[in-house]
Amino acid sequence: MAFMPAPPMSPEFEQHLKELNALRIGGAIKAPRRIHDVRPAYPPIAQQAKVQGVVIVEALIDAEGNIVDTRVLKSIPLLDSAALDAVQQWKYEPPLMNGAPQPVVMTVTVAFAMQ
């Protein structure tokens, strides 16, 4: 499998990133703990086509732990929308840096597997 670079940010995602001055997870900034999880709905057309795999999403999380914006980094076209719909409903403990809430950008994976 060939490496594919992430698609460019949409202007809206880039604007949210600038407005929040979000930092990337890593180093001194630990990934926040998810406190509200929503499982993605497996699209019937993807099930019929027996499509499965992992969609990788970049999520912008505000200082209160809410998902502000998302974008797909690794796409499975029939599953992308379901992955984004689920991630946008997630909630995290407020991300902290030096004990203070801090907006962050992090990648999350959404797995789809046939049962």
PDB file of N, CA and C in Angstrom:
ATOM      1  N   MET A   1       0.838  -1.169   0.000  1.00  0.00           N
ATOM      2  CA  MET A   1       0.000   0.000   0.000  1.00  0.00           C
ATOM      3  C   MET A   1       0.888   1.240   0.000  1.00  0.00           C
ATOM      4  N   ALA A   2       0.626   2.162  -0.870  1.00  0.00           N
ATOM      5  CA  ALA A   2       1.411   3.387  -0.982  1.00  0.00           C
ATOM      6  C   ALA A   2       0.955   4.406   0.048  1.00  0.00           C
ATOM      7  N   PHE A   3       1.902   5.172   0.571  1.00  0.00           N
ATOM      8  CA  PHE A   3       1.577   6.240   1.509  1.00  0.00           C
ATOM      9  C   PHE A   3       0.907   7.380   0.769  1.00  0.00           C
ATOM     10  N   MET A   4      -0.191   7.844   1.315  1.00  0.00           N
ATOM     11  CA  MET A   4      -0.897   8.987   0.738  1.00  0.00           C
ATOM     12  C   MET A   4      -0.888  10.113   1.762  1.00  0.00           C
ATOM     13  N   PRO A   5      -0.438  11.296   1.379  1.00  0.00           N
ATOM     14  CA  PRO A   5      -0.458  12.403   2.333  1.00  0.00           C
ATOM     15  C   PRO A   5      -1.898  12.791   2.670  1.00  0.00           C
ATOM     16  N   ALA A   6      -2.075  13.386   3.828  1.00  0.00           N
ATOM     17  CA  ALA A   6      -3.405  13.833   4.241  1.00  0.00           C
ATOM     18  C   ALA A   6      -3.912  14.890   3.268  1.00  0.00           C
ATOM     19  N   PRO A   7      -5.212  14.896   3.023  1.00  0.00           N
ATOM     20  CA  PRO A   7      -5.762  15.929   2.146  1.00  0.00           C
ATOM     21  C   PRO A   7      -5.606  17.297   2.798  1.00  0.00           C
ATOM     22  N   PRO A   8      -5.625  18.358   1.999  1.00  0.00           N
ATOM     23  CA  PRO A   8      -5.493  19.697   2.583  1.00  0.00           C
ATOM     24  C   PRO A   8      -6.688  20.018   3.487  1.00  0.00           C
ATOM     25  N   MET A   9      -6.443  20.888   4.457  1.00  0.00           N
ATOM     26  CA  MET A   9      -7.523  21.310   5.349  1.00  0.00           C
ATOM     27  C   MET A   9      -8.529  22.143   4.584  1.00  0.00           C
ATOM     28  N   SER A  10      -9.798  21.979   4.953  1.00  0.00           N
ATOM     29  CA  SER A  10     -10.820  22.864   4.394  1.00  0.00           C
ATOM     30  C   SER A  10     -10.618  24.244   5.015  1.00  0.00           C
ATOM     31  N   PRO A  11     -11.063  25.300   4.343  1.00  0.00           N
ATOM     32  CA  PRO A  11     -10.926  26.634   4.929  1.00  0.00           C
ATOM     33  C   PRO A  11     -11.623  26.739   6.291  1.00  0.00           C
ATOM     34  N   GLU A  12     -12.749  26.048   6.454  1.00  0.00           N
ATOM     35  CA  GLU A  12     -13.482  26.099   7.716  1.00  0.00           C
ATOM     36  C   GLU A  12     -12.681  25.455   8.845  1.00  0.00           C
ATOM     37  N   PHE A  13     -12.086  24.270   8.567  1.00  0.00           N
ATOM     38  CA  PHE A  13     -11.285  23.587   9.578  1.00  0.00           C
ATOM     39  C   PHE A  13     -10.081  24.439   9.956  1.00  0.00           C
ATOM     40  N   GLU A  14      -9.425  24.990   8.957  1.00  0.00           N
ATOM     41  CA  GLU A  14      -8.255  25.832   9.204  1.00  0.00           C
ATOM     42  C   GLU A  14      -8.630  27.063  10.032  1.00  0.00           C
ATOM     43  N   GLN A  15      -9.788  27.650   9.753  1.00  0.00           N
ATOM     44  CA  GLN A  15     -10.251  28.821  10.510  1.00  0.00           C
ATOM     45  C   GLN A  15     -10.513  28.448  11.970  1.00  0.00           C
ATOM     46  N   HIS A  16     -11.190  27.304  12.201  1.00  0.00           N
ATOM     47  CA  HIS A  16     -11.439  26.852  13.576  1.00  0.00           C
ATOM     48  C   HIS A  16     -10.120  26.611  14.315  1.00  0.00           C
ATOM     49  N   LEU A  17      -9.162  26.019  13.626  1.00  0.00           N
ATOM     50  CA  LEU A  17      -7.859  25.745  14.216  1.00  0.00           C
ATOM     51  C   LEU A  17      -7.183  27.043  14.662  1.00  0.00           C
ATOM     52  N   LYS A  18      -7.236  28.049  13.806  1.00  0.00           N
ATOM     53  CA  LYS A  18      -6.622  29.342  14.133  1.00  0.00           C
ATOM     54  C   LYS A  18      -7.365  30.045  15.266  1.00  0.00           C
ATOM     55  N   GLU A  19      -8.697  30.013  15.224  1.00  0.00           N
ATOM     56  CA  GLU A  19      -9.493  30.687  16.250  1.00  0.00           C
ATOM     57  C   GLU A  19      -9.219  30.111  17.641  1.00  0.00           C
ATOM     58  N   LEU A  20      -9.117  28.792  17.724  1.00  0.00           N
ATOM     59  CA  LEU A  20      -8.913  28.148  19.024  1.00  0.00           C
ATOM     60  C   LEU A  20      -7.453  28.105  19.451  1.00  0.00           C
ATOM     61  N   ASN A  21      -6.546  28.323  18.519  1.00  0.00           N
ATOM     62  CA  ASN A  21      -5.115  28.205  18.803  1.00  0.00           C
ATOM     63  C   ASN A  21      -4.820  26.832  19.416  1.00  0.00           C
ATOM     64  N   ALA A  22      -5.358  25.793  18.784  1.00  0.00           N
ATOM     65  CA  ALA A  22      -5.252  24.432  19.295  1.00  0.00           C
ATOM     66  C   ALA A  22      -3.854  23.864  19.099  1.00  0.00           C
ATOM     67  N   LEU A  23      -3.437  23.057  20.069  1.00  0.00           N
ATOM     68  CA  LEU A  23      -2.144  22.383  20.010  1.00  0.00           C
ATOM     69  C   LEU A  23      -2.353  20.926  19.626  1.00  0.00           C
ATOM     70  N   ARG A  24      -1.351  20.341  19.000  1.00  0.00           N
ATOM     71  CA  ARG A  24      -1.416  18.926  18.640  1.00  0.00           C
ATOM     72  C   ARG A  24      -1.061  18.068  19.833  1.00  0.00           C
ATOM     73  N   ILE A  25      -1.735  16.943  19.934  1.00  0.00           N
ATOM     74  CA  ILE A  25      -1.450  15.971  20.985  1.00  0.00           C
ATOM     75  C   ILE A  25      -0.037  15.436  20.787  1.00  0.00           C
ATOM     76  N   GLY A  26       0.681  15.291  21.879  1.00  0.00           N
ATOM     77  CA  GLY A  26       2.040  14.752  21.841  1.00  0.00           C
ATOM     78  C   GLY A  26       2.926  15.512  22.795  1.00  0.00           C
ATOM     79  N   GLY A  27       4.013  14.886  23.188  1.00  0.00           N
ATOM     80  CA  GLY A  27       4.940  15.525  24.118  1.00  0.00           C
ATOM     81  C   GLY A  27       4.276  15.777  25.458  1.00  0.00           C
ATOM     82  N   ALA A  28       4.224  17.036  25.873  1.00  0.00           N
ATOM     83  CA  ALA A  28       3.649  17.407  27.166  1.00  0.00           C
ATOM     84  C   ALA A  28       2.129  17.369  27.159  1.00  0.00           C
ATOM     85  N   ILE A  29       1.538  17.278  25.988  1.00  0.00           N
ATOM     86  CA  ILE A  29       0.077  17.285  25.890  1.00  0.00           C
ATOM     87  C   ILE A  29      -0.402  15.858  25.660  1.00  0.00           C
ATOM     88  N   LYS A  30      -1.077  15.320  26.657  1.00  0.00           N
ATOM     89  CA  LYS A  30      -1.578  13.954  26.575  1.00  0.00           C
ATOM     90  C   LYS A  30      -2.980  13.946  25.973  1.00  0.00           C
ATOM     91  N   ALA A  31      -3.300  12.869  25.295  1.00  0.00           N
ATOM     92  CA  ALA A  31      -4.630  12.725  24.710  1.00  0.00           C
ATOM     93  C   ALA A  31      -5.680  12.732  25.815  1.00  0.00           C
ATOM     94  N   PRO A  32      -6.732  13.510  25.651  1.00  0.00           N
ATOM     95  CA  PRO A  32      -7.780  13.526  26.667  1.00  0.00           C
ATOM     96  C   PRO A  32      -8.588  12.221  26.640  1.00  0.00           C
ATOM     97  N   ARG A  33      -9.239  11.921  27.766  1.00  0.00           N
ATOM     98  CA  ARG A  33     -10.046  10.705  27.876  1.00  0.00           C
ATOM     99  C   ARG A  33     -11.452  10.982  27.358  1.00  0.00           C
ATOM    100  N   ARG A  34     -11.934  10.089  26.497  1.00  0.00           N
ATOM    101  CA  ARG A  34     -13.284  10.212  25.963  1.00  0.00           C
ATOM    102  C   ARG A  34     -14.278   9.846  27.055  1.00  0.00           C
ATOM    103  N   ILE A  35     -15.259  10.730  27.289  1.00  0.00           N
ATOM    104  CA  ILE A  35     -16.250  10.476  28.328  1.00  0.00           C
ATOM    105  C   ILE A  35     -17.638  10.212  27.753  1.00  0.00           C
ATOM    106  N   HIS A  36     -17.820  10.482  26.469  1.00  0.00           N
ATOM    107  CA  HIS A  36     -19.090  10.152  25.804  1.00  0.00           C
ATOM    108  C   HIS A  36     -18.757   9.585  24.432  1.00  0.00           C
ATOM    109  N   ASP A  37     -19.157   8.344  24.231  1.00  0.00           N
ATOM    110  CA  ASP A  37     -18.832   7.639  22.991  1.00  0.00           C
ATOM    111  C   ASP A  37     -20.123   7.346  22.220  1.00  0.00           C
ATOM    112  N   VAL A  38     -20.087   7.572  20.937  1.00  0.00           N
ATOM    113  CA  VAL A  38     -21.197   7.213  20.057  1.00  0.00           C
ATOM    114  C   VAL A  38     -20.625   6.285  18.989  1.00  0.00           C
ATOM    115  N   ARG A  39     -21.170   5.105  18.891  1.00  0.00           N
ATOM    116  CA  ARG A  39     -20.734   4.142  17.883  1.00  0.00           C
ATOM    117  C   ARG A  39     -21.267   4.565  16.520  1.00  0.00           C
ATOM    118  N   PRO A  40     -20.460   4.412  15.475  1.00  0.00           N
ATOM    119  CA  PRO A  40     -20.946   4.773  14.140  1.00  0.00           C
ATOM    120  C   PRO A  40     -22.006   3.791  13.658  1.00  0.00           C
ATOM    121  N   ALA A  41     -22.944   4.310  12.918  1.00  0.00           N
ATOM    122  CA  ALA A  41     -23.950   3.466  12.267  1.00  0.00           C
ATOM    123  C   ALA A  41     -23.318   2.909  10.996  1.00  0.00           C
ATOM    124  N   TYR A  42     -23.304   1.588  10.873  1.00  0.00           N
ATOM    125  CA  TYR A  42     -22.699   0.950   9.693  1.00  0.00           C
ATOM    126  C   TYR A  42     -23.662   1.160   8.519  1.00  0.00           C
ATOM    127  N   PRO A  43     -23.282   1.912   7.500  1.00  0.00           N
ATOM    128  CA  PRO A  43     -24.192   2.175   6.385  1.00  0.00           C
ATOM    129  C   PRO A  43     -24.607   0.874   5.694  1.00  0.00           C
ATOM    130  N   PRO A  44     -25.902   0.687   5.453  1.00  0.00           N
ATOM    131  CA  PRO A  44     -26.369  -0.541   4.797  1.00  0.00           C
ATOM    132  C   PRO A  44     -25.675  -0.819   3.469  1.00  0.00           C
ATOM    133  N   ILE A  45     -25.420   0.222   2.683  1.00  0.00           N
ATOM    134  CA  ILE A  45     -24.771   0.009   1.382  1.00  0.00           C
ATOM    135  C   ILE A  45     -23.355  -0.528   1.571  1.00  0.00           C
ATOM    136  N   ALA A  46     -22.664  -0.077   2.635  1.00  0.00           N
ATOM    137  CA  ALA A  46     -21.315  -0.574   2.922  1.00  0.00           C
ATOM    138  C   ALA A  46     -21.377  -2.025   3.399  1.00  0.00           C
ATOM    139  N   GLN A  47     -22.397  -2.352   4.181  1.00  0.00           N
ATOM    140  CA  GLN A  47     -22.573  -3.733   4.622  1.00  0.00           C
ATOM    141  C   GLN A  47     -22.850  -4.647   3.431  1.00  0.00           C
ATOM    142  N   GLN A  48     -23.720  -4.206   2.542  1.00  0.00           N
ATOM    143  CA  GLN A  48     -24.048  -5.008   1.358  1.00  0.00           C
ATOM    144  C   GLN A  48     -22.815  -5.233   0.494  1.00  0.00           C
ATOM    145  N   ALA A  49     -21.972  -4.214   0.411  1.00  0.00           N
ATOM    146  CA  ALA A  49     -20.761  -4.306  -0.396  1.00  0.00           C
ATOM    147  C   ALA A  49     -19.620  -4.974   0.371  1.00  0.00           C
ATOM    148  N   LYS A  50     -19.882  -5.342   1.634  1.00  0.00           N
ATOM    149  CA  LYS A  50     -18.884  -5.975   2.499  1.00  0.00           C
ATOM    150  C   LYS A  50     -17.623  -5.106   2.665  1.00  0.00           C
ATOM    151  N   VAL A  51     -17.856  -3.807   2.772  1.00  0.00           N
ATOM    152  CA  VAL A  51     -16.765  -2.849   2.969  1.00  0.00           C
ATOM    153  C   VAL A  51     -16.490  -2.740   4.461  1.00  0.00           C
ATOM    154  N   GLN A  52     -15.241  -2.874   4.837  1.00  0.00           N
ATOM    155  CA  GLN A  52     -14.840  -2.702   6.223  1.00  0.00           C
ATOM    156  C   GLN A  52     -13.455  -2.088   6.267  1.00  0.00           C
ATOM    157  N   GLY A  53     -13.061  -1.638   7.426  1.00  0.00           N
ATOM    158  CA  GLY A  53     -11.746  -1.043   7.582  1.00  0.00           C
ATOM    159  C   GLY A  53     -11.775   0.076   8.586  1.00  0.00           C
ATOM    160  N   VAL A  54     -10.752   0.918   8.548  1.00  0.00           N
ATOM    161  CA  VAL A  54     -10.581   1.997   9.514  1.00  0.00           C
ATOM    162  C   VAL A  54     -10.582   3.331   8.783  1.00  0.00           C
ATOM    163  N   VAL A  55     -11.390   4.251   9.292  1.00  0.00           N
ATOM    164  CA  VAL A  55     -11.374   5.636   8.833  1.00  0.00           C
ATOM    165  C   VAL A  55     -10.607   6.419   9.891  1.00  0.00           C
ATOM    166  N   ILE A  56      -9.611   7.184   9.473  1.00  0.00           N
ATOM    167  CA  ILE A  56      -8.839   8.005  10.404  1.00  0.00           C
ATOM    168  C   ILE A  56      -9.325   9.445  10.277  1.00  0.00           C
ATOM    169  N   VAL A  57      -9.674   9.997  11.426  1.00  0.00           N
ATOM    170  CA  VAL A  57     -10.274  11.325  11.487  1.00  0.00           C
ATOM    171  C   VAL A  57      -9.395  12.236  12.340  1.00  0.00           C
ATOM    172  N   GLU A  58      -9.228  13.461  11.898  1.00  0.00           N
ATOM    173  CA  GLU A  58      -8.572  14.476  12.713  1.00  0.00           C
ATOM    174  C   GLU A  58      -9.687  15.289  13.364  1.00  0.00           C
ATOM    175  N   ALA A  59      -9.628  15.399  14.696  1.00  0.00           N
ATOM    176  CA  ALA A  59     -10.674  16.094  15.447  1.00  0.00           C
ATOM    177  C   ALA A  59     -10.086  17.302  16.160  1.00  0.00           C
ATOM    178  N   LEU A  60     -10.807  18.398  16.092  1.00  0.00           N
ATOM    179  CA  LEU A  60     -10.453  19.623  16.797  1.00  0.00           C
ATOM    180  C   LEU A  60     -11.338  19.680  18.033  1.00  0.00           C
ATOM    181  N   ILE A  61     -10.701  19.660  19.218  1.00  0.00           N
ATOM    182  CA  ILE A  61     -11.414  19.594  20.489  1.00  0.00           C
ATOM    183  C   ILE A  61     -11.183  20.891  21.249  1.00  0.00           C
ATOM    184  N   ASP A  62     -12.283  21.532  21.690  1.00  0.00           N
ATOM    185  CA  ASP A  62     -12.129  22.802  22.407  1.00  0.00           C
ATOM    186  C   ASP A  62     -11.739  22.560  23.868  1.00  0.00           C
ATOM    187  N   ALA A  63     -11.535  23.633  24.609  1.00  0.00           N
ATOM    188  CA  ALA A  63     -11.066  23.543  25.995  1.00  0.00           C
ATOM    189  C   ALA A  63     -12.080  22.905  26.936  1.00  0.00           C
ATOM    190  N   GLU A  64     -13.330  22.771  26.492  1.00  0.00           N
ATOM    191  CA  GLU A  64     -14.357  22.111  27.305  1.00  0.00           C
ATOM    192  C   GLU A  64     -14.487  20.630  26.958  1.00  0.00           C
ATOM    193  N   GLY A  65     -13.757  20.171  25.956  1.00  0.00           N
ATOM    194  CA  GLY A  65     -13.811  18.768  25.564  1.00  0.00           C
ATOM    195  C   GLY A  65     -14.810  18.452  24.464  1.00  0.00           C
ATOM    196  N   ASN A  66     -15.371  19.482  23.844  1.00  0.00           N
ATOM    197  CA  ASN A  66     -16.331  19.293  22.746  1.00  0.00           C
ATOM    198  C   ASN A  66     -15.617  19.209  21.406  1.00  0.00           C
ATOM    199  N   ILE A  67     -16.146  18.396  20.507  1.00  0.00           N
ATOM    200  CA  ILE A  67     -15.631  18.334  19.144  1.00  0.00           C
ATOM    201  C   ILE A  67     -16.142  19.562  18.401  1.00  0.00           C
ATOM    202  N   VAL A  68     -15.216  20.356  17.899  1.00  0.00           N
ATOM    203  CA  VAL A  68     -15.563  21.584  17.185  1.00  0.00           C
ATOM    204  C   VAL A  68     -15.625  21.339  15.688  1.00  0.00           C
ATOM    205  N   ASP A  69     -14.694  20.520  15.184  1.00  0.00           N
ATOM    206  CA  ASP A  69     -14.637  20.261  13.746  1.00  0.00           C
ATOM    207  C   ASP A  69     -13.907  18.939  13.524  1.00  0.00           C
ATOM    208  N   THR A  70     -14.146  18.348  12.380  1.00  0.00           N
ATOM    209  CA  THR A  70     -13.488  17.087  12.024  1.00  0.00           C
ATOM    210  C   THR A  70     -13.151  17.103  10.540  1.00  0.00           C
ATOM    211  N   ARG A  71     -12.185  16.249  10.203  1.00  0.00           N
ATOM    212  CA  ARG A  71     -11.884  16.025   8.791  1.00  0.00           C
ATOM    213  C   ARG A  71     -11.301  14.625   8.655  1.00  0.00           C
ATOM    214  N   VAL A  72     -11.525  14.029   7.497  1.00  0.00           N
ATOM    215  CA  VAL A  72     -11.034  12.679   7.231  1.00  0.00           C
ATOM    216  C   VAL A  72      -9.592  12.753   6.756  1.00  0.00           C
ATOM    217  N   LEU A  73      -8.722  11.951   7.393  1.00  0.00           N
ATOM    218  CA  LEU A  73      -7.336  11.846   6.954  1.00  0.00           C
ATOM    219  C   LEU A  73      -7.123  10.596   6.111  1.00  0.00           C
ATOM    220  N   LYS A  74      -7.771   9.481   6.489  1.00  0.00           N
ATOM    221  CA  LYS A  74      -7.700   8.243   5.714  1.00  0.00           C
ATOM    222  C   LYS A  74      -9.131   7.834   5.415  1.00  0.00           C
ATOM    223  N   SER A  75      -9.439   7.792   4.152  1.00  0.00           N
ATOM    224  CA  SER A  75     -10.812   7.642   3.711  1.00  0.00           C
ATOM    225  C   SER A  75     -11.163   6.226   3.267  1.00  0.00           C
ATOM    226  N   ILE A  76     -12.371   5.823   3.607  1.00  0.00           N
ATOM    227  CA  ILE A  76     -13.064   4.707   2.972  1.00  0.00           C
ATOM    228  C   ILE A  76     -14.403   5.327   2.571  1.00  0.00           C
ATOM    229  N   PRO A  77     -14.558   5.722   1.313  1.00  0.00           N
ATOM    230  CA  PRO A  77     -15.682   6.557   0.906  1.00  0.00           C
ATOM    231  C   PRO A  77     -17.060   6.129   1.426  1.00  0.00           C
ATOM    232  N   LEU A  78     -17.358   4.844   1.456  1.00  0.00           N
ATOM    233  CA  LEU A  78     -18.681   4.418   1.920  1.00  0.00           C
ATOM    234  C   LEU A  78     -18.840   4.527   3.442  1.00  0.00           C
ATOM    235  N   LEU A  79     -17.742   4.746   4.151  1.00  0.00           N
ATOM    236  CA  LEU A  79     -17.788   4.784   5.613  1.00  0.00           C
ATOM    237  C   LEU A  79     -17.476   6.156   6.212  1.00  0.00           C
ATOM    238  N   ASP A  80     -16.945   7.056   5.413  1.00  0.00           N
ATOM    239  CA  ASP A  80     -16.499   8.356   5.917  1.00  0.00           C
ATOM    240  C   ASP A  80     -17.603   9.127   6.642  1.00  0.00           C
ATOM    241  N   SER A  81     -18.752   9.233   6.038  1.00  0.00           N
ATOM    242  CA  SER A  81     -19.839  10.019   6.615  1.00  0.00           C
ATOM    243  C   SER A  81     -20.271   9.451   7.965  1.00  0.00           C
ATOM    244  N   ALA A  82     -20.393   8.141   8.062  1.00  0.00           N
ATOM    245  CA  ALA A  82     -20.784   7.510   9.327  1.00  0.00           C
ATOM    246  C   ALA A  82     -19.722   7.750  10.399  1.00  0.00           C
ATOM    247  N   ALA A  83     -18.457   7.682  10.014  1.00  0.00           N
ATOM    248  CA  ALA A  83     -17.372   7.931  10.969  1.00  0.00           C
ATOM    249  C   ALA A  83     -17.426   9.369  11.481  1.00  0.00           C
ATOM    250  N   LEU A  84     -17.565  10.323  10.578  1.00  0.00           N
ATOM    251  CA  LEU A  84     -17.632  11.729  10.983  1.00  0.00           C
ATOM    252  C   LEU A  84     -18.850  12.004  11.852  1.00  0.00           C
ATOM    253  N   ASP A  85     -20.000  11.437  11.488  1.00  0.00           N
ATOM    254  CA  ASP A  85     -21.223  11.630  12.282  1.00  0.00           C
ATOM    255  C   ASP A  85     -21.018  11.159  13.720  1.00  0.00           C
ATOM    256  N   ALA A  86     -20.365  10.019  13.892  1.00  0.00           N
ATOM    257  CA  ALA A  86     -20.134   9.483  15.235  1.00  0.00           C
ATOM    258  C   ALA A  86     -19.146  10.361  16.005  1.00  0.00           C
ATOM    259  N   VAL A  87     -18.009  10.665  15.402  1.00  0.00           N
ATOM    260  CA  VAL A  87     -16.958  11.428  16.094  1.00  0.00           C
ATOM    261  C   VAL A  87     -17.472  12.799  16.527  1.00  0.00           C
ATOM    262  N   GLN A  88     -18.291  13.426  15.714  1.00  0.00           N
ATOM    263  CA  GLN A  88     -18.799  14.759  16.043  1.00  0.00           C
ATOM    264  C   GLN A  88     -19.689  14.753  17.281  1.00  0.00           C
ATOM    265  N   GLN A  89     -20.122  13.585  17.719  1.00  0.00           N
ATOM    266  CA  GLN A  89     -20.952  13.476  18.928  1.00  0.00           C
ATOM    267  C   GLN A  89     -20.150  13.082  20.169  1.00  0.00           C
ATOM    268  N   TRP A  90     -18.865  12.780  19.994  1.00  0.00           N
ATOM    269  CA  TRP A  90     -18.036  12.388  21.124  1.00  0.00           C
ATOM    270  C   TRP A  90     -17.788  13.586  22.034  1.00  0.00           C
ATOM    271  N   LYS A  91     -17.486  13.277  23.289  1.00  0.00           N
ATOM    272  CA  LYS A  91     -17.143  14.303  24.273  1.00  0.00           C
ATOM    273  C   LYS A  91     -15.934  13.803  25.056  1.00  0.00           C
ATOM    274  N   TYR A  92     -15.031  14.711  25.372  1.00  0.00           N
ATOM    275  CA  TYR A  92     -13.802  14.387  26.082  1.00  0.00           C
ATOM    276  C   TYR A  92     -13.717  15.161  27.394  1.00  0.00           C
ATOM    277  N   GLU A  93     -12.926  14.612  28.337  1.00  0.00           N
ATOM    278  CA  GLU A  93     -12.555  15.427  29.491  1.00  0.00           C
ATOM    279  C   GLU A  93     -11.806  16.624  28.924  1.00  0.00           C
ATOM    280  N   PRO A  94     -11.930  17.787  29.556  1.00  0.00           N
ATOM    281  CA  PRO A  94     -11.194  18.937  29.014  1.00  0.00           C
ATOM    282  C   PRO A  94      -9.701  18.618  28.905  1.00  0.00           C
ATOM    283  N   PRO A  95      -9.123  18.831  27.717  1.00  0.00           N
ATOM    284  CA  PRO A  95      -7.681  18.610  27.556  1.00  0.00           C
ATOM    285  C   PRO A  95      -6.910  19.625  28.401  1.00  0.00           C
ATOM    286  N   LEU A  96      -5.852  19.173  29.052  1.00  0.00           N
ATOM    287  CA  LEU A  96      -5.089  20.054  29.937  1.00  0.00           C
ATOM    288  C   LEU A  96      -3.648  20.191  29.486  1.00  0.00           C
ATOM    289  N   MET A  97      -3.120  21.392  29.710  1.00  0.00           N
ATOM    290  CA  MET A  97      -1.697  21.646  29.540  1.00  0.00           C
ATOM    291  C   MET A  97      -1.279  22.476  30.748  1.00  0.00           C
ATOM    292  N   ASN A  98      -0.351  21.958  31.524  1.00  0.00           N
ATOM    293  CA  ASN A  98       0.073  22.612  32.766  1.00  0.00           C
ATOM    294  C   ASN A  98      -1.121  22.887  33.682  1.00  0.00           C
ATOM    295  N   GLY A  99      -2.085  21.967  33.698  1.00  0.00           N
ATOM    296  CA  GLY A  99      -3.251  22.077  34.567  1.00  0.00           C
ATOM    297  C   GLY A  99      -4.357  22.979  34.066  1.00  0.00           C
ATOM    298  N   ALA A 100      -4.157  23.638  32.919  1.00  0.00           N
ATOM    299  CA  ALA A 100      -5.166  24.550  32.383  1.00  0.00           C
ATOM    300  C   ALA A 100      -5.809  23.940  31.132  1.00  0.00           C
ATOM    301  N   PRO A 101      -7.126  24.123  30.968  1.00  0.00           N
ATOM    302  CA  PRO A 101      -7.780  23.602  29.762  1.00  0.00           C
ATOM    303  C   PRO A 101      -7.153  24.200  28.503  1.00  0.00           C
ATOM    304  N   GLN A 102      -6.984  23.345  27.497  1.00  0.00           N
ATOM    305  CA  GLN A 102      -6.311  23.750  26.256  1.00  0.00           C
ATOM    306  C   GLN A 102      -6.986  23.072  25.063  1.00  0.00           C
ATOM    307  N   PRO A 103      -7.406  23.823  24.048  1.00  0.00           N
ATOM    308  CA  PRO A 103      -7.911  23.182  22.831  1.00  0.00           C
ATOM    309  C   PRO A 103      -6.802  22.360  22.182  1.00  0.00           C
ATOM    310  N   VAL A 104      -7.177  21.222  21.606  1.00  0.00           N
ATOM    311  CA  VAL A 104      -6.194  20.344  20.976  1.00  0.00           C
ATOM    312  C   VAL A 104      -6.715  19.814  19.641  1.00  0.00           C
ATOM    313  N   VAL A 105      -5.769  19.330  18.856  1.00  0.00           N
ATOM    314  CA  VAL A 105      -6.066  18.614  17.622  1.00  0.00           C
ATOM    315  C   VAL A 105      -5.510  17.225  17.806  1.00  0.00           C
ATOM    316  N   MET A 106      -6.325  16.198  17.523  1.00  0.00           N
ATOM    317  CA  MET A 106      -5.834  14.840  17.642  1.00  0.00           C
ATOM    318  C   MET A 106      -6.468  13.968  16.579  1.00  0.00           C
ATOM    319  N   THR A 107      -5.793  12.871  16.276  1.00  0.00           N
ATOM    320  CA  THR A 107      -6.346  11.914  15.330  1.00  0.00           C
ATOM    321  C   THR A 107      -7.014  10.785  16.097  1.00  0.00           C
ATOM    322  N   VAL A 108      -8.114  10.314  15.555  1.00  0.00           N
ATOM    323  CA  VAL A 108      -8.850   9.197  16.136  1.00  0.00           C
ATOM    324  C   VAL A 108      -9.154   8.209  15.021  1.00  0.00           C
ATOM    325  N   THR A 109      -9.300   6.964  15.385  1.00  0.00           N
ATOM    326  CA  THR A 109      -9.645   5.951  14.409  1.00  0.00           C
ATOM    327  C   THR A 109     -11.047   5.443  14.672  1.00  0.00           C
ATOM    328  N   VAL A 110     -11.758   5.182  13.602  1.00  0.00           N
ATOM    329  CA  VAL A 110     -13.106   4.625  13.678  1.00  0.00           C
ATOM    330  C   VAL A 110     -13.079   3.347  12.862  1.00  0.00           C
ATOM    331  N   ALA A 111     -13.244   2.218  13.551  1.00  0.00           N
ATOM    332  CA  ALA A 111     -13.143   0.910  12.892  1.00  0.00           C
ATOM    333  C   ALA A 111     -14.533   0.382  12.535  1.00  0.00           C
ATOM    334  N   PHE A 112     -14.614  -0.182  11.355  1.00  0.00           N
ATOM    335  CA  PHE A 112     -15.830  -0.847  10.877  1.00  0.00           C
ATOM    336  C   PHE A 112     -15.459  -2.279  10.523  1.00  0.00           C
ATOM    337  N   ALA A 113     -16.158  -3.243  11.129  1.00  0.00           N
ATOM    338  CA  ALA A 113     -15.885  -4.647  10.857  1.00  0.00           C
ATOM    339  C   ALA A 113     -17.212  -5.382  10.665  1.00  0.00           C
ATOM    340  N   MET A 114     -17.231  -6.250   9.690  1.00  0.00           N
ATOM    341  CA  MET A 114     -18.427  -7.048   9.437  1.00  0.00           C
ATOM    342  C   MET A 114     -18.603  -8.017  10.610  1.00  0.00           C
ATOM    343  N   GLN A 115     -19.820  -8.196  11.038  1.00  0.00           N
ATOM    344  CA  GLN A 115     -20.107  -9.128  12.140  1.00  0.00           C
ATOM    345  C   GLN A 115     -20.470 -10.490  11.616  1.00  0.00           C
TER     346      GLN A 115
END
